[in-house]
Amino acid sequence: MDRKKELKQQYKEIKIEGGIYVITNKQNGKKFVASTPNFKTLNGTKFTLESGLHTNKELQKEWSEYGKDNFDIEHVEVLKKEANENRVDKKKLEKLLEKWLDKLQPYGEKGYHS
């Protein structure tokens, strides 16, 4: 039983960082801006792009056309979870995403957003 409590405590202490990330096409500079409550899930995003299943069709088309080596994925702002919370606050994450969309304006020829 003590082992179970120990494992629960370890789980609670895992550092979860979410925030805003940007996928940039190195060929044309177009950007895709998104948020995630946990940066560890970016592996899933890469997997969907490599499998041809990403929901943003234009990004998917160019990823398939240019290949993964022609894209950079960077964390542009980290939002750490509060000590008393189990996860990153969704409302804070939404506000951060709005801020970065306003700042980078990834629309039309500058990005993958409409």
PDB file of N, CA and C in Angstrom:
ATOM      1  N   MET A   1       0.822  -1.201   0.000  1.00  0.00           N
ATOM      2  CA  MET A   1       0.000   0.000   0.000  1.00  0.00           C
ATOM      3  C   MET A   1       0.862   1.259   0.000  1.00  0.00           C
ATOM      4  N   ASP A   2       1.962   1.251   0.728  1.00  0.00           N
ATOM      5  CA  ASP A   2       2.845   2.415   0.751  1.00  0.00           C
ATOM      6  C   ASP A   2       3.402   2.708  -0.641  1.00  0.00           C
ATOM      7  N   ARG A   3       3.655   1.653  -1.409  1.00  0.00           N
ATOM      8  CA  ARG A   3       4.182   1.822  -2.761  1.00  0.00           C
ATOM      9  C   ARG A   3       3.181   2.580  -3.632  1.00  0.00           C
ATOM     10  N   LYS A   4       1.908   2.276  -3.461  1.00  0.00           N
ATOM     11  CA  LYS A   4       0.857   2.948  -4.230  1.00  0.00           C
ATOM     12  C   LYS A   4       0.822   4.439  -3.897  1.00  0.00           C
ATOM     13  N   LYS A   5       0.919   4.771  -2.630  1.00  0.00           N
ATOM     14  CA  LYS A   5       0.938   6.173  -2.217  1.00  0.00           C
ATOM     15  C   LYS A   5       2.169   6.877  -2.768  1.00  0.00           C
ATOM     16  N   GLU A   6       3.278   6.183  -2.745  1.00  0.00           N
ATOM     17  CA  GLU A   6       4.531   6.746  -3.263  1.00  0.00           C
ATOM     18  C   GLU A   6       4.409   7.050  -4.759  1.00  0.00           C
ATOM     19  N   LEU A   7       3.827   6.118  -5.512  1.00  0.00           N
ATOM     20  CA  LEU A   7       3.646   6.319  -6.952  1.00  0.00           C
ATOM     21  C   LEU A   7       2.685   7.468  -7.233  1.00  0.00           C
ATOM     22  N   LYS A   8       1.614   7.580  -6.442  1.00  0.00           N
ATOM     23  CA  LYS A   8       0.682   8.694  -6.608  1.00  0.00           C
ATOM     24  C   LYS A   8       1.383  10.026  -6.378  1.00  0.00           C
ATOM     25  N   GLN A   9       2.201  10.076  -5.346  1.00  0.00           N
ATOM     26  CA  GLN A   9       2.924  11.305  -5.030  1.00  0.00           C
ATOM     27  C   GLN A   9       3.897  11.665  -6.159  1.00  0.00           C
ATOM     28  N   GLN A  10       4.588  10.665  -6.687  1.00  0.00           N
ATOM     29  CA  GLN A  10       5.510  10.905  -7.802  1.00  0.00           C
ATOM     30  C   GLN A  10       4.760  11.452  -9.009  1.00  0.00           C
ATOM     31  N   TYR A  11       3.578  10.896  -9.269  1.00  0.00           N
ATOM     32  CA  TYR A  11       2.771  11.360 -10.396  1.00  0.00           C
ATOM     33  C   TYR A  11       2.373  12.820 -10.212  1.00  0.00           C
ATOM     34  N   LYS A  12       1.981  13.183  -9.007  1.00  0.00           N
ATOM     35  CA  LYS A  12       1.584  14.559  -8.719  1.00  0.00           C
ATOM     36  C   LYS A  12       2.739  15.540  -8.894  1.00  0.00           C
ATOM     37  N   GLU A  13       3.959  15.050  -8.716  1.00  0.00           N
ATOM     38  CA  GLU A  13       5.133  15.919  -8.798  1.00  0.00           C
ATOM     39  C   GLU A  13       5.709  16.027 -10.201  1.00  0.00           C
ATOM     40  N   ILE A  14       5.159  15.265 -11.147  1.00  0.00           N
ATOM     41  CA  ILE A  14       5.641  15.344 -12.530  1.00  0.00           C
ATOM     42  C   ILE A  14       5.421  16.758 -13.050  1.00  0.00           C
ATOM     43  N   LYS A  15       6.453  17.301 -13.631  1.00  0.00           N
ATOM     44  CA  LYS A  15       6.387  18.664 -14.156  1.00  0.00           C
ATOM     45  C   LYS A  15       5.643  18.652 -15.492  1.00  0.00           C
ATOM     46  N   ILE A  16       4.459  19.256 -15.509  1.00  0.00           N
ATOM     47  CA  ILE A  16       3.673  19.349 -16.737  1.00  0.00           C
ATOM     48  C   ILE A  16       3.770  20.780 -17.235  1.00  0.00           C
ATOM     49  N   GLU A  17       4.259  20.911 -18.444  1.00  0.00           N
ATOM     50  CA  GLU A  17       4.347  22.235 -19.062  1.00  0.00           C
ATOM     51  C   GLU A  17       3.564  22.227 -20.362  1.00  0.00           C
ATOM     52  N   GLY A  18       2.697  23.172 -20.463  1.00  0.00           N
ATOM     53  CA  GLY A  18       1.954  23.374 -21.689  1.00  0.00           C
ATOM     54  C   GLY A  18       2.293  24.753 -22.206  1.00  0.00           C
ATOM     55  N   GLY A  19       1.637  25.135 -23.278  1.00  0.00           N
ATOM     56  CA  GLY A  19       1.872  26.470 -23.806  1.00  0.00           C
ATOM     57  C   GLY A  19       1.626  26.542 -25.293  1.00  0.00           C
ATOM     58  N   ILE A  20       2.328  27.455 -25.904  1.00  0.00           N
ATOM     59  CA  ILE A  20       2.138  27.745 -27.322  1.00  0.00           C
ATOM     60  C   ILE A  20       3.341  27.247 -28.111  1.00  0.00           C
ATOM     61  N   TYR A  21       3.045  26.605 -29.237  1.00  0.00           N
ATOM     62  CA  TYR A  21       4.112  26.173 -30.134  1.00  0.00           C
ATOM     63  C   TYR A  21       3.801  26.652 -31.549  1.00  0.00           C
ATOM     64  N   VAL A  22       4.869  26.768 -32.327  1.00  0.00           N
ATOM     65  CA  VAL A  22       4.738  27.231 -33.706  1.00  0.00           C
ATOM     66  C   VAL A  22       5.465  26.244 -34.618  1.00  0.00           C
ATOM     67  N   ILE A  23       4.772  25.840 -35.669  1.00  0.00           N
ATOM     68  CA  ILE A  23       5.383  25.018 -36.715  1.00  0.00           C
ATOM     69  C   ILE A  23       5.648  25.965 -37.880  1.00  0.00           C
ATOM     70  N   THR A  24       6.913  26.089 -38.266  1.00  0.00           N
ATOM     71  CA  THR A  24       7.295  27.019 -39.330  1.00  0.00           C
ATOM     72  C   THR A  24       7.837  26.252 -40.526  1.00  0.00           C
ATOM     73  N   ASN A  25       7.309  26.574 -41.692  1.00  0.00           N
ATOM     74  CA  ASN A  25       7.796  26.010 -42.943  1.00  0.00           C
ATOM     75  C   ASN A  25       9.041  26.804 -43.335  1.00  0.00           C
ATOM     76  N   LYS A  26      10.190  26.136 -43.384  1.00  0.00           N
ATOM     77  CA  LYS A  26      11.456  26.817 -43.703  1.00  0.00           C
ATOM     78  C   LYS A  26      11.534  27.239 -45.168  1.00  0.00           C
ATOM     79  N   GLN A  27      10.703  26.662 -46.020  1.00  0.00           N
ATOM     80  CA  GLN A  27      10.733  26.998 -47.438  1.00  0.00           C
ATOM     81  C   GLN A  27      10.028  28.313 -47.749  1.00  0.00           C
ATOM     82  N   ASN A  28       8.905  28.558 -47.073  1.00  0.00           N
ATOM     83  CA  ASN A  28       8.136  29.759 -47.405  1.00  0.00           C
ATOM     84  C   ASN A  28       7.795  30.630 -46.189  1.00  0.00           C
ATOM     85  N   GLY A  29       8.225  30.227 -45.004  1.00  0.00           N
ATOM     86  CA  GLY A  29       8.024  31.030 -43.801  1.00  0.00           C
ATOM     87  C   GLY A  29       6.628  30.973 -43.194  1.00  0.00           C
ATOM     88  N   LYS A  30       5.735  30.177 -43.781  1.00  0.00           N
ATOM     89  CA  LYS A  30       4.375  30.092 -43.253  1.00  0.00           C
ATOM     90  C   LYS A  30       4.386  29.430 -41.877  1.00  0.00           C
ATOM     91  N   LYS A  31       3.458  29.882 -41.022  1.00  0.00           N
ATOM     92  CA  LYS A  31       3.424  29.415 -39.643  1.00  0.00           C
ATOM     93  C   LYS A  31       2.073  28.827 -39.265  1.00  0.00           C
ATOM     94  N   PHE A  32       2.139  27.816 -38.409  1.00  0.00           N
ATOM     95  CA  PHE A  32       0.960  27.234 -37.776  1.00  0.00           C
ATOM     96  C   PHE A  32       1.154  27.414 -36.285  1.00  0.00           C
ATOM     97  N   VAL A  33       0.230  28.123 -35.642  1.00  0.00           N
ATOM     98  CA  VAL A  33       0.330  28.429 -34.211  1.00  0.00           C
ATOM     99  C   VAL A  33      -0.727  27.625 -33.483  1.00  0.00           C
ATOM    100  N   ALA A  34      -0.315  26.951 -32.409  1.00  0.00           N
ATOM    101  CA  ALA A  34      -1.270  26.134 -31.657  1.00  0.00           C
ATOM    102  C   ALA A  34      -0.887  26.086 -30.187  1.00  0.00           C
ATOM    103  N   SER A  35      -1.832  25.601 -29.393  1.00  0.00           N
ATOM    104  CA  SER A  35      -1.586  25.457 -27.964  1.00  0.00           C
ATOM    105  C   SER A  35      -1.691  23.989 -27.582  1.00  0.00           C
ATOM    106  N   THR A  36      -1.073  23.658 -26.466  1.00  0.00           N
ATOM    107  CA  THR A  36      -1.177  22.315 -25.913  1.00  0.00           C
ATOM    108  C   THR A  36      -1.081  22.395 -24.396  1.00  0.00           C
ATOM    109  N   PRO A  37      -1.879  21.602 -23.691  1.00  0.00           N
ATOM    110  CA  PRO A  37      -1.771  21.592 -22.232  1.00  0.00           C
ATOM    111  C   PRO A  37      -0.536  20.831 -21.742  1.00  0.00           C
ATOM    112  N   ASN A  38       0.110  20.100 -22.652  1.00  0.00           N
ATOM    113  CA  ASN A  38       1.284  19.327 -22.287  1.00  0.00           C
ATOM    114  C   ASN A  38       2.178  19.170 -23.521  1.00  0.00           C
ATOM    115  N   PHE A  39       3.367  19.760 -23.470  1.00  0.00           N
ATOM    116  CA  PHE A  39       4.254  19.707 -24.634  1.00  0.00           C
ATOM    117  C   PHE A  39       4.638  18.289 -25.027  1.00  0.00           C
ATOM    118  N   LYS A  40       4.490  17.338 -24.119  1.00  0.00           N
ATOM    119  CA  LYS A  40       4.800  15.947 -24.456  1.00  0.00           C
ATOM    120  C   LYS A  40       3.874  15.418 -25.546  1.00  0.00           C
ATOM    121  N   THR A  41       2.712  16.048 -25.737  1.00  0.00           N
ATOM    122  CA  THR A  41       1.779  15.595 -26.766  1.00  0.00           C
ATOM    123  C   THR A  41       2.217  16.005 -28.174  1.00  0.00           C
ATOM    124  N   LEU A  42       3.266  16.795 -28.274  1.00  0.00           N
ATOM    125  CA  LEU A  42       3.745  17.187 -29.611  1.00  0.00           C
ATOM    126  C   LEU A  42       4.199  15.980 -30.421  1.00  0.00           C
ATOM    127  N   ASN A  43       4.600  14.927 -29.751  1.00  0.00           N
ATOM    128  CA  ASN A  43       4.947  13.706 -30.487  1.00  0.00           C
ATOM    129  C   ASN A  43       3.739  13.202 -31.268  1.00  0.00           C
ATOM    130  N   GLY A  44       2.551  13.335 -30.697  1.00  0.00           N
ATOM    131  CA  GLY A  44       1.323  12.950 -31.391  1.00  0.00           C
ATOM    132  C   GLY A  44       1.043  13.840 -32.589  1.00  0.00           C
ATOM    133  N   THR A  45       1.337  15.124 -32.452  1.00  0.00           N
ATOM    134  CA  THR A  45       1.157  16.061 -33.568  1.00  0.00           C
ATOM    135  C   THR A  45       2.104  15.700 -34.709  1.00  0.00           C
ATOM    136  N   LYS A  46       3.352  15.424 -34.369  1.00  0.00           N
ATOM    137  CA  LYS A  46       4.316  15.006 -35.400  1.00  0.00           C
ATOM    138  C   LYS A  46       3.852  13.717 -36.077  1.00  0.00           C
ATOM    139  N   PHE A  47       3.344  12.787 -35.276  1.00  0.00           N
ATOM    140  CA  PHE A  47       2.864  11.521 -35.819  1.00  0.00           C
ATOM    141  C   PHE A  47       1.716  11.739 -36.807  1.00  0.00           C
ATOM    142  N   THR A  48       0.764  12.613 -36.457  1.00  0.00           N
ATOM    143  CA  THR A  48      -0.357  12.852 -37.373  1.00  0.00           C
ATOM    144  C   THR A  48       0.128  13.492 -38.671  1.00  0.00           C
ATOM    145  N   LEU A  49       1.110  14.382 -38.578  1.00  0.00           N
ATOM    146  CA  LEU A  49       1.659  14.996 -39.789  1.00  0.00           C
ATOM    147  C   LEU A  49       2.391  13.955 -40.639  1.00  0.00           C
ATOM    148  N   GLU A  50       3.177  13.113 -39.997  1.00  0.00           N
ATOM    149  CA  GLU A  50       3.932  12.100 -40.740  1.00  0.00           C
ATOM    150  C   GLU A  50       3.020  11.021 -41.312  1.00  0.00           C
ATOM    151  N   SER A  51       1.842  10.845 -40.705  1.00  0.00           N
ATOM    152  CA  SER A  51       0.879   9.848 -41.185  1.00  0.00           C
ATOM    153  C   SER A  51      -0.105  10.422 -42.195  1.00  0.00           C
ATOM    154  N   GLY A  52      -0.043  11.739 -42.410  1.00  0.00           N
ATOM    155  CA  GLY A  52      -0.958  12.376 -43.346  1.00  0.00           C
ATOM    156  C   GLY A  52      -2.348  12.608 -42.797  1.00  0.00           C
ATOM    157  N   LEU A  53      -2.458  12.709 -41.459  1.00  0.00           N
ATOM    158  CA  LEU A  53      -3.766  12.794 -40.815  1.00  0.00           C
ATOM    159  C   LEU A  53      -4.035  14.111 -40.094  1.00  0.00           C
ATOM    160  N   HIS A  54      -3.182  15.107 -40.255  1.00  0.00           N
ATOM    161  CA  HIS A  54      -3.360  16.361 -39.508  1.00  0.00           C
ATOM    162  C   HIS A  54      -4.630  17.057 -39.965  1.00  0.00           C
ATOM    163  N   THR A  55      -5.312  17.716 -39.027  1.00  0.00           N
ATOM    164  CA  THR A  55      -6.591  18.352 -39.342  1.00  0.00           C
ATOM    165  C   THR A  55      -6.458  19.611 -40.200  1.00  0.00           C
ATOM    166  N   ASN A  56      -5.291  20.261 -40.166  1.00  0.00           N
ATOM    167  CA  ASN A  56      -5.085  21.440 -41.010  1.00  0.00           C
ATOM    168  C   ASN A  56      -4.584  20.941 -42.370  1.00  0.00           C
ATOM    169  N   LYS A  57      -5.470  20.952 -43.337  1.00  0.00           N
ATOM    170  CA  LYS A  57      -5.180  20.349 -44.653  1.00  0.00           C
ATOM    171  C   LYS A  57      -4.027  21.035 -45.394  1.00  0.00           C
ATOM    172  N   GLU A  58      -3.952  22.357 -45.294  1.00  0.00           N
ATOM    173  CA  GLU A  58      -2.890  23.075 -46.007  1.00  0.00           C
ATOM    174  C   GLU A  58      -1.520  22.760 -45.391  1.00  0.00           C
ATOM    175  N   LEU A  59      -1.449  22.760 -44.069  1.00  0.00           N
ATOM    176  CA  LEU A  59      -0.204  22.380 -43.402  1.00  0.00           C
ATOM    177  C   LEU A  59       0.157  20.953 -43.773  1.00  0.00           C
ATOM    178  N   GLN A  60      -0.819  20.057 -43.739  1.00  0.00           N
ATOM    179  CA  GLN A  60      -0.562  18.658 -44.073  1.00  0.00           C
ATOM    180  C   GLN A  60      -0.042  18.508 -45.494  1.00  0.00           C
ATOM    181  N   LYS A  61      -0.649  19.239 -46.421  1.00  0.00           N
ATOM    182  CA  LYS A  61      -0.232  19.166 -47.837  1.00  0.00           C
ATOM    183  C   LYS A  61       1.228  19.574 -47.988  1.00  0.00           C
ATOM    184  N   GLU A  62       1.604  20.690 -47.358  1.00  0.00           N
ATOM    185  CA  GLU A  62       2.976  21.167 -47.509  1.00  0.00           C
ATOM    186  C   GLU A  62       3.969  20.311 -46.720  1.00  0.00           C
ATOM    187  N   TRP A  63       3.550  19.762 -45.581  1.00  0.00           N
ATOM    188  CA  TRP A  63       4.414  18.848 -44.825  1.00  0.00           C
ATOM    189  C   TRP A  63       4.740  17.629 -45.693  1.00  0.00           C
ATOM    190  N   SER A  64       3.715  17.110 -46.359  1.00  0.00           N
ATOM    191  CA  SER A  64       3.908  15.943 -47.229  1.00  0.00           C
ATOM    192  C   SER A  64       4.771  16.303 -48.437  1.00  0.00           C
ATOM    193  N   GLU A  65       4.574  17.507 -48.956  1.00  0.00           N
ATOM    194  CA  GLU A  65       5.302  17.963 -50.148  1.00  0.00           C
ATOM    195  C   GLU A  65       6.773  18.257 -49.842  1.00  0.00           C
ATOM    196  N   TYR A  66       7.046  19.005 -48.766  1.00  0.00           N
ATOM    197  CA  TYR A  66       8.403  19.449 -48.462  1.00  0.00           C
ATOM    198  C   TYR A  66       9.175  18.492 -47.546  1.00  0.00           C
ATOM    199  N   GLY A  67       8.469  17.701 -46.758  1.00  0.00           N
ATOM    200  CA  GLY A  67       9.119  16.780 -45.828  1.00  0.00           C
ATOM    201  C   GLY A  67       9.388  17.420 -44.473  1.00  0.00           C
ATOM    202  N   LYS A  68       9.488  16.581 -43.460  1.00  0.00           N
ATOM    203  CA  LYS A  68       9.613  17.065 -42.078  1.00  0.00           C
ATOM    204  C   LYS A  68      10.872  17.881 -41.827  1.00  0.00           C
ATOM    205  N   ASP A  69      11.925  17.641 -42.604  1.00  0.00           N
ATOM    206  CA  ASP A  69      13.173  18.377 -42.394  1.00  0.00           C
ATOM    207  C   ASP A  69      13.072  19.846 -42.794  1.00  0.00           C
ATOM    208  N   ASN A  70      12.006  20.208 -43.489  1.00  0.00           N
ATOM    209  CA  ASN A  70      11.806  21.596 -43.896  1.00  0.00           C
ATOM    210  C   ASN A  70      10.851  22.353 -42.979  1.00  0.00           C
ATOM    211  N   PHE A  71      10.639  21.800 -41.784  1.00  0.00           N
ATOM    212  CA  PHE A  71       9.779  22.446 -40.799  1.00  0.00           C
ATOM    213  C   PHE A  71      10.485  22.499 -39.450  1.00  0.00           C
ATOM    214  N   ASP A  72      10.288  23.608 -38.748  1.00  0.00           N
ATOM    215  CA  ASP A  72      10.770  23.756 -37.375  1.00  0.00           C
ATOM    216  C   ASP A  72       9.559  23.759 -36.460  1.00  0.00           C
ATOM    217  N   ILE A  73       9.700  23.104 -35.324  1.00  0.00           N
ATOM    218  CA  ILE A  73       8.658  23.149 -34.302  1.00  0.00           C
ATOM    219  C   ILE A  73       9.306  23.706 -33.046  1.00  0.00           C
ATOM    220  N   GLU A  74       8.787  24.849 -32.588  1.00  0.00           N
ATOM    221  CA  GLU A  74       9.388  25.480 -31.408  1.00  0.00           C
ATOM    222  C   GLU A  74       8.335  25.870 -30.392  1.00  0.00           C
ATOM    223  N   HIS A  75       8.716  25.788 -29.135  1.00  0.00           N
ATOM    224  CA  HIS A  75       7.874  26.264 -28.039  1.00  0.00           C
ATOM    225  C   HIS A  75       8.130  27.764 -27.949  1.00  0.00           C
ATOM    226  N   VAL A  76       7.110  28.582 -28.092  1.00  0.00           N
ATOM    227  CA  VAL A  76       7.322  30.024 -28.030  1.00  0.00           C
ATOM    228  C   VAL A  76       6.952  30.618 -26.673  1.00  0.00           C
ATOM    229  N   GLU A  77       6.083  29.912 -25.931  1.00  0.00           N
ATOM    230  CA  GLU A  77       5.785  30.376 -24.579  1.00  0.00           C
ATOM    231  C   GLU A  77       5.308  29.192 -23.750  1.00  0.00           C
ATOM    232  N   VAL A  78       5.881  29.077 -22.568  1.00  0.00           N
ATOM    233  CA  VAL A  78       5.555  27.975 -21.662  1.00  0.00           C
ATOM    234  C   VAL A  78       4.608  28.480 -20.584  1.00  0.00           C
ATOM    235  N   LEU A  79       3.590  27.682 -20.314  1.00  0.00           N
ATOM    236  CA  LEU A  79       2.650  27.977 -19.240  1.00  0.00           C
ATOM    237  C   LEU A  79       2.689  26.793 -18.290  1.00  0.00           C
ATOM    238  N   LYS A  80       3.313  26.986 -17.145  1.00  0.00           N
ATOM    239  CA  LYS A  80       3.449  25.896 -16.183  1.00  0.00           C
ATOM    240  C   LYS A  80       2.169  25.767 -15.367  1.00  0.00           C
ATOM    241  N   LYS A  81       1.893  24.543 -14.939  1.00  0.00           N
ATOM    242  CA  LYS A  81       0.726  24.347 -14.081  1.00  0.00           C
ATOM    243  C   LYS A  81       1.038  24.875 -12.696  1.00  0.00           C
ATOM    244  N   GLU A  82       0.024  25.367 -12.041  1.00  0.00           N
ATOM    245  CA  GLU A  82       0.186  25.850 -10.672  1.00  0.00           C
ATOM    246  C   GLU A  82       0.399  24.654  -9.751  1.00  0.00           C
ATOM    247  N   ALA A  83       1.074  24.857  -8.659  1.00  0.00           N
ATOM    248  CA  ALA A  83       1.391  23.772  -7.730  1.00  0.00           C
ATOM    249  C   ALA A  83       0.138  23.057  -7.232  1.00  0.00           C
ATOM    250  N   ASN A  84      -0.945  23.782  -7.068  1.00  0.00           N
ATOM    251  CA  ASN A  84      -2.164  23.180  -6.536  1.00  0.00           C
ATOM    252  C   ASN A  84      -3.107  22.672  -7.629  1.00  0.00           C
ATOM    253  N   GLU A  85      -2.697  22.708  -8.885  1.00  0.00           N
ATOM    254  CA  GLU A  85      -3.543  22.256  -9.990  1.00  0.00           C
ATOM    255  C   GLU A  85      -3.010  20.955 -10.573  1.00  0.00           C
ATOM    256  N   ASN A  86      -3.920  20.170 -11.153  1.00  0.00           N
ATOM    257  CA  ASN A  86      -3.516  18.925 -11.798  1.00  0.00           C
ATOM    258  C   ASN A  86      -3.040  19.144 -13.227  1.00  0.00           C
ATOM    259  N   ARG A  87      -3.485  20.244 -13.831  1.00  0.00           N
ATOM    260  CA  ARG A  87      -3.113  20.498 -15.233  1.00  0.00           C
ATOM    261  C   ARG A  87      -3.061  21.995 -15.496  1.00  0.00           C
ATOM    262  N   VAL A  88      -2.594  22.331 -16.681  1.00  0.00           N
ATOM    263  CA  VAL A  88      -2.497  23.725 -17.101  1.00  0.00           C
ATOM    264  C   VAL A  88      -3.910  24.296 -17.281  1.00  0.00           C
ATOM    265  N   ASP A  89      -4.114  25.526 -16.860  1.00  0.00           N
ATOM    266  CA  ASP A  89      -5.409  26.195 -16.938  1.00  0.00           C
ATOM    267  C   ASP A  89      -5.790  26.462 -18.401  1.00  0.00           C
ATOM    268  N   LYS A  90      -6.935  25.925 -18.839  1.00  0.00           N
ATOM    269  CA  LYS A  90      -7.363  26.054 -20.238  1.00  0.00           C
ATOM    270  C   LYS A  90      -7.628  27.504 -20.643  1.00  0.00           C
ATOM    271  N   LYS A  91      -8.214  28.293 -19.734  1.00  0.00           N
ATOM    272  CA  LYS A  91      -8.518  29.688 -20.071  1.00  0.00           C
ATOM    273  C   LYS A  91      -7.235  30.493 -20.278  1.00  0.00           C
ATOM    274  N   LYS A  92      -6.244  30.243 -19.445  1.00  0.00           N
ATOM    275  CA  LYS A  92      -4.954  30.926 -19.622  1.00  0.00           C
ATOM    276  C   LYS A  92      -4.329  30.513 -20.949  1.00  0.00           C
ATOM    277  N   LEU A  93      -4.471  29.240 -21.287  1.00  0.00           N
ATOM    278  CA  LEU A  93      -3.927  28.726 -22.541  1.00  0.00           C
ATOM    279  C   LEU A  93      -4.613  29.370 -23.742  1.00  0.00           C
ATOM    280  N   GLU A  94      -5.926  29.530 -23.673  1.00  0.00           N
ATOM    281  CA  GLU A  94      -6.676  30.178 -24.761  1.00  0.00           C
ATOM    282  C   GLU A  94      -6.243  31.631 -24.940  1.00  0.00           C
ATOM    283  N   LYS A  95      -6.052  32.350 -23.825  1.00  0.00           N
ATOM    284  CA  LYS A  95      -5.608  33.743 -23.908  1.00  0.00           C
ATOM    285  C   LYS A  95      -4.211  33.844 -24.514  1.00  0.00           C
ATOM    286  N   LEU A  96      -3.336  32.903 -24.130  1.00  0.00           N
ATOM    287  CA  LEU A  96      -1.985  32.893 -24.705  1.00  0.00           C
ATOM    288  C   LEU A  96      -2.038  32.654 -26.205  1.00  0.00           C
ATOM    289  N   LEU A  97      -2.889  31.722 -26.625  1.00  0.00           N
ATOM    290  CA  LEU A  97      -3.010  31.428 -28.050  1.00  0.00           C
ATOM    291  C   LEU A  97      -3.495  32.662 -28.811  1.00  0.00           C
ATOM    292  N   GLU A  98      -4.496  33.341 -28.280  1.00  0.00           N
ATOM    293  CA  GLU A  98      -4.981  34.574 -28.920  1.00  0.00           C
ATOM    294  C   GLU A  98      -3.861  35.598 -29.043  1.00  0.00           C
ATOM    295  N   LYS A  99      -3.072  35.743 -27.980  1.00  0.00           N
ATOM    296  CA  LYS A  99      -1.958  36.703 -27.984  1.00  0.00           C
ATOM    297  C   LYS A  99      -0.978  36.382 -29.117  1.00  0.00           C
ATOM    298  N   TRP A 100      -0.624  35.097 -29.261  1.00  0.00           N
ATOM    299  CA  TRP A 100       0.351  34.718 -30.287  1.00  0.00           C
ATOM    300  C   TRP A 100      -0.228  34.784 -31.693  1.00  0.00           C
ATOM    301  N   LEU A 101      -1.516  34.496 -31.840  1.00  0.00           N
ATOM    302  CA  LEU A 101      -2.148  34.652 -33.159  1.00  0.00           C
ATOM    303  C   LEU A 101      -2.151  36.120 -33.554  1.00  0.00           C
ATOM    304  N   ASP A 102      -2.452  37.003 -32.598  1.00  0.00           N
ATOM    305  CA  ASP A 102      -2.416  38.446 -32.872  1.00  0.00           C
ATOM    306  C   ASP A 102      -1.004  38.907 -33.207  1.00  0.00           C
ATOM    307  N   LYS A 103      -0.034  38.400 -32.491  1.00  0.00           N
ATOM    308  CA  LYS A 103       1.356  38.825 -32.677  1.00  0.00           C
ATOM    309  C   LYS A 103       1.928  38.342 -34.019  1.00  0.00           C
ATOM    310  N   LEU A 104       1.703  37.069 -34.358  1.00  0.00           N
ATOM    311  CA  LEU A 104       2.324  36.496 -35.556  1.00  0.00           C
ATOM    312  C   LEU A 104       1.477  36.632 -36.818  1.00  0.00           C
ATOM    313  N   GLN A 105       0.168  36.823 -36.653  1.00  0.00           N
ATOM    314  CA  GLN A 105      -0.749  36.963 -37.790  1.00  0.00           C
ATOM    315  C   GLN A 105      -0.507  35.869 -38.855  1.00  0.00           C
ATOM    316  N   PRO A 106      -0.657  34.594 -38.481  1.00  0.00           N
ATOM    317  CA  PRO A 106      -0.368  33.501 -39.423  1.00  0.00           C
ATOM    318  C   PRO A 106      -1.525  33.193 -40.375  1.00  0.00           C
ATOM    319  N   TYR A 107      -1.956  34.217 -41.104  1.00  0.00           N
ATOM    320  CA  TYR A 107      -3.104  34.080 -41.995  1.00  0.00           C
ATOM    321  C   TYR A 107      -2.677  34.310 -43.439  1.00  0.00           C
ATOM    322  N   GLY A 108      -3.454  33.753 -44.360  1.00  0.00           N
ATOM    323  CA  GLY A 108      -3.176  33.950 -45.793  1.00  0.00           C
ATOM    324  C   GLY A 108      -1.806  33.427 -46.185  1.00  0.00           C
ATOM    325  N   GLU A 109      -1.021  34.261 -46.816  1.00  0.00           N
ATOM    326  CA  GLU A 109       0.304  33.861 -47.281  1.00  0.00           C
ATOM    327  C   GLU A 109       1.318  33.736 -46.150  1.00  0.00           C
ATOM    328  N   LYS A 110       0.971  34.221 -44.949  1.00  0.00           N
ATOM    329  CA  LYS A 110       1.891  34.177 -43.825  1.00  0.00           C
ATOM    330  C   LYS A 110       1.704  32.946 -42.942  1.00  0.00           C
ATOM    331  N   GLY A 111       0.640  32.173 -43.229  1.00  0.00           N
ATOM    332  CA  GLY A 111       0.406  31.043 -42.334  1.00  0.00           C
ATOM    333  C   GLY A 111      -0.656  30.076 -42.810  1.00  0.00           C
ATOM    334  N   TYR A 112      -0.975  29.177 -41.912  1.00  0.00           N
ATOM    335  CA  TYR A 112      -1.910  28.095 -42.208  1.00  0.00           C
ATOM    336  C   TYR A 112      -3.269  28.291 -41.545  1.00  0.00           C
ATOM    337  N   HIS A 113      -3.555  29.471 -41.062  1.00  0.00           N
ATOM    338  CA  HIS A 113      -4.835  29.752 -40.420  1.00  0.00           C
ATOM    339  C   HIS A 113      -5.705  30.581 -41.357  1.00  0.00           C
ATOM    340  N   SER A 114      -7.029  30.427 -41.207  1.00  0.00           N
ATOM    341  CA  SER A 114      -7.939  31.197 -42.068  1.00  0.00           C
ATOM    342  C   SER A 114      -8.738  32.194 -41.253  1.00  0.00           C
TER     343      SER A 114
END
